[in-house]
Amino acid sequence: MGEAVIWIGILVLFSCFWGFRSMNLMKRKGYNEAGKWFICGFLLWFIGFIIAAVQPNLNLQKNPSVTNNEKSLKDKLAEIDELYNDGVISRSEYDTRRKKILEKV
């Protein structure tokens, strides 16, 4: 009897571990249904965590206009202007870089 209680306690702790892992992962991904993901991890253990891991990250989808730290055209031109004014690049290098930036538009 006492050994069975210990094993049940271990299983409950193990289930809670995977439940909280799944829930926290989904909170970081921007999902609000934390209880659902806790139950998924609690009942399915590692498989529930894998299911949570393959869900899309909603935080990345909230602002689709910003992609991979892409600088605006104005920022790129200001950067090469600063390099030229500081004497880091020559006039010909400035013209080449400016032309490449403007060609991408």
C-alpha atoms as a PDB file:
ATOM      1  CA  MET A   1       0.000   0.000   0.000  1.00  0.00           C
ATOM      2  CA  GLY A   2       2.725   2.470   1.002  1.00  0.00           C
ATOM      3  CA  GLU A   3       4.778   1.756  -2.121  1.00  0.00           C
ATOM      4  CA  ALA A   4       1.766   2.360  -4.371  1.00  0.00           C
ATOM      5  CA  VAL A   5       1.196   5.768  -2.776  1.00  0.00           C
ATOM      6  CA  ILE A   6       4.826   6.694  -3.422  1.00  0.00           C
ATOM      7  CA  TRP A   7       4.536   5.691  -7.086  1.00  0.00           C
ATOM      8  CA  ILE A   8       1.286   7.625  -7.493  1.00  0.00           C
ATOM      9  CA  GLY A   9       2.958  10.660  -5.911  1.00  0.00           C
ATOM     10  CA  ILE A  10       5.906  10.360  -8.303  1.00  0.00           C
ATOM     11  CA  LEU A  11       3.546  10.105 -11.295  1.00  0.00           C
ATOM     12  CA  VAL A  12       1.591  13.164 -10.163  1.00  0.00           C
ATOM     13  CA  LEU A  13       4.806  15.168  -9.720  1.00  0.00           C
ATOM     14  CA  PHE A  14       6.053  14.045 -13.123  1.00  0.00           C
ATOM     15  CA  SER A  15       2.717  15.023 -14.679  1.00  0.00           C
ATOM     16  CA  CYS A  16       2.796  18.427 -12.972  1.00  0.00           C
ATOM     17  CA  PHE A  17       6.325  19.010 -14.239  1.00  0.00           C
ATOM     18  CA  TRP A  18       5.300  18.460 -17.886  1.00  0.00           C
ATOM     19  CA  GLY A  19       2.057  20.361 -17.366  1.00  0.00           C
ATOM     20  CA  PHE A  20       3.872  23.459 -16.100  1.00  0.00           C
ATOM     21  CA  ARG A  21       6.522  23.174 -18.819  1.00  0.00           C
ATOM     22  CA  SER A  22       3.848  23.100 -21.530  1.00  0.00           C
ATOM     23  CA  MET A  23       1.887  25.936 -19.926  1.00  0.00           C
ATOM     24  CA  ASN A  24       4.925  28.212 -19.554  1.00  0.00           C
ATOM     25  CA  LEU A  25       6.049  27.547 -23.113  1.00  0.00           C
ATOM     26  CA  MET A  26       2.663  28.531 -24.479  1.00  0.00           C
ATOM     27  CA  LYS A  27       2.525  31.675 -22.321  1.00  0.00           C
ATOM     28  CA  ARG A  28       5.872  32.728 -23.798  1.00  0.00           C
ATOM     29  CA  LYS A  29       4.472  32.096 -27.279  1.00  0.00           C
ATOM     30  CA  GLY A  30       1.548  34.459 -26.589  1.00  0.00           C
ATOM     31  CA  TYR A  31      -1.295  32.004 -25.942  1.00  0.00           C
ATOM     32  CA  ASN A  32      -3.872  32.861 -23.259  1.00  0.00           C
ATOM     33  CA  GLU A  33      -5.348  29.417 -22.585  1.00  0.00           C
ATOM     34  CA  ALA A  34      -2.743  28.427 -19.977  1.00  0.00           C
ATOM     35  CA  GLY A  35      -5.024  25.911 -18.254  1.00  0.00           C
ATOM     36  CA  LYS A  36      -5.613  23.978 -21.457  1.00  0.00           C
ATOM     37  CA  TRP A  37      -1.899  23.626 -22.075  1.00  0.00           C
ATOM     38  CA  PHE A  38      -1.272  22.585 -18.482  1.00  0.00           C
ATOM     39  CA  ILE A  39      -3.844  19.794 -18.889  1.00  0.00           C
ATOM     40  CA  CYS A  40      -2.284  18.774 -22.217  1.00  0.00           C
ATOM     41  CA  GLY A  41       1.164  18.457 -20.617  1.00  0.00           C
ATOM     42  CA  PHE A  42      -0.232  16.891 -17.450  1.00  0.00           C
ATOM     43  CA  LEU A  43      -2.079  14.142 -19.293  1.00  0.00           C
ATOM     44  CA  LEU A  44       0.298  13.536 -22.210  1.00  0.00           C
ATOM     45  CA  TRP A  45       3.618  14.313 -20.483  1.00  0.00           C
ATOM     46  CA  PHE A  46       6.471  14.790 -22.966  1.00  0.00           C
ATOM     47  CA  ILE A  47       4.159  14.355 -25.957  1.00  0.00           C
ATOM     48  CA  GLY A  48       2.033  17.257 -24.675  1.00  0.00           C
ATOM     49  CA  PHE A  49       5.165  19.390 -24.458  1.00  0.00           C
ATOM     50  CA  ILE A  50       6.102  18.457 -28.046  1.00  0.00           C
ATOM     51  CA  ILE A  51       2.593  19.421 -29.197  1.00  0.00           C
ATOM     52  CA  ALA A  52       3.020  22.793 -27.473  1.00  0.00           C
ATOM     53  CA  ALA A  53       6.503  23.257 -28.942  1.00  0.00           C
ATOM     54  CA  VAL A  54       5.328  22.912 -32.542  1.00  0.00           C
ATOM     55  CA  GLN A  55       2.558  25.516 -32.171  1.00  0.00           C
ATOM     56  CA  PRO A  56       3.276  28.851 -33.931  1.00  0.00           C
ATOM     57  CA  ASN A  57       4.629  31.747 -31.901  1.00  0.00           C
ATOM     58  CA  LEU A  58       1.888  34.402 -31.774  1.00  0.00           C
ATOM     59  CA  ASN A  59       4.347  37.046 -30.574  1.00  0.00           C
ATOM     60  CA  LEU A  60       6.115  36.945 -33.951  1.00  0.00           C
ATOM     61  CA  GLN A  61       2.846  37.280 -35.837  1.00  0.00           C
ATOM     62  CA  LYS A  62       1.635  40.395 -33.980  1.00  0.00           C
ATOM     63  CA  ASN A  63       3.883  42.782 -35.923  1.00  0.00           C
ATOM     64  CA  PRO A  64       4.373  41.435 -39.448  1.00  0.00           C
ATOM     65  CA  SER A  65       5.798  44.723 -40.753  1.00  0.00           C
ATOM     66  CA  VAL A  66       9.049  44.231 -38.841  1.00  0.00           C
ATOM     67  CA  THR A  67      11.142  41.466 -40.370  1.00  0.00           C
ATOM     68  CA  ASN A  68      14.540  40.331 -39.130  1.00  0.00           C
ATOM     69  CA  ASN A  69      15.705  43.710 -37.829  1.00  0.00           C
ATOM     70  CA  GLU A  70      15.434  45.158 -41.307  1.00  0.00           C
ATOM     71  CA  LYS A  71      16.452  48.798 -41.399  1.00  0.00           C
ATOM     72  CA  SER A  72      14.412  51.362 -43.217  1.00  0.00           C
ATOM     73  CA  LEU A  73      15.745  53.061 -46.307  1.00  0.00           C
ATOM     74  CA  LYS A  74      16.198  56.287 -44.348  1.00  0.00           C
ATOM     75  CA  ASP A  75      18.242  54.506 -41.655  1.00  0.00           C
ATOM     76  CA  LYS A  76      20.514  52.860 -44.215  1.00  0.00           C
ATOM     77  CA  LEU A  77      21.160  56.140 -46.001  1.00  0.00           C
ATOM     78  CA  ALA A  78      21.798  57.930 -42.696  1.00  0.00           C
ATOM     79  CA  GLU A  79      24.301  55.231 -41.749  1.00  0.00           C
ATOM     80  CA  ILE A  80      26.380  55.608 -44.889  1.00  0.00           C
ATOM     81  CA  ASP A  81      26.143  59.410 -44.631  1.00  0.00           C
ATOM     82  CA  GLU A  82      27.581  59.175 -41.132  1.00  0.00           C
ATOM     83  CA  LEU A  83      30.380  56.876 -42.298  1.00  0.00           C
ATOM     84  CA  TYR A  84      31.257  59.274 -45.110  1.00  0.00           C
ATOM     85  CA  ASN A  85      31.121  62.370 -42.877  1.00  0.00           C
ATOM     86  CA  ASP A  86      33.357  60.648 -40.300  1.00  0.00           C
ATOM     87  CA  GLY A  87      35.885  59.824 -43.015  1.00  0.00           C
ATOM     88  CA  VAL A  88      35.481  56.069 -42.642  1.00  0.00           C
ATOM     89  CA  ILE A  89      34.589  55.538 -46.312  1.00  0.00           C
ATOM     90  CA  SER A  90      35.659  57.403 -49.448  1.00  0.00           C
ATOM     91  CA  ARG A  91      33.377  59.328 -51.780  1.00  0.00           C
ATOM     92  CA  SER A  92      33.428  56.536 -54.367  1.00  0.00           C
ATOM     93  CA  GLU A  93      32.560  53.936 -51.689  1.00  0.00           C
ATOM     94  CA  TYR A  94      29.763  56.233 -50.462  1.00  0.00           C
ATOM     95  CA  ASP A  95      28.354  56.574 -53.985  1.00  0.00           C
ATOM     96  CA  THR A  96      28.555  52.798 -54.572  1.00  0.00           C
ATOM     97  CA  ARG A  97      26.777  51.941 -51.318  1.00  0.00           C
ATOM     98  CA  ARG A  98      24.138  54.630 -51.841  1.00  0.00           C
ATOM     99  CA  LYS A  99      23.446  53.350 -55.350  1.00  0.00           C
ATOM    100  CA  LYS A 100      23.039  49.754 -54.063  1.00  0.00           C
ATOM    101  CA  ILE A 101      20.614  50.872 -51.382  1.00  0.00           C
ATOM    102  CA  LEU A 102      18.533  52.877 -53.824  1.00  0.00           C
ATOM    103  CA  GLU A 103      18.480  50.014 -56.367  1.00  0.00           C
ATOM    104  CA  LYS A 104      16.729  47.777 -53.832  1.00  0.00           C
ATOM    105  CA  VAL A 105      13.763  50.150 -53.723  1.00  0.00           C
END
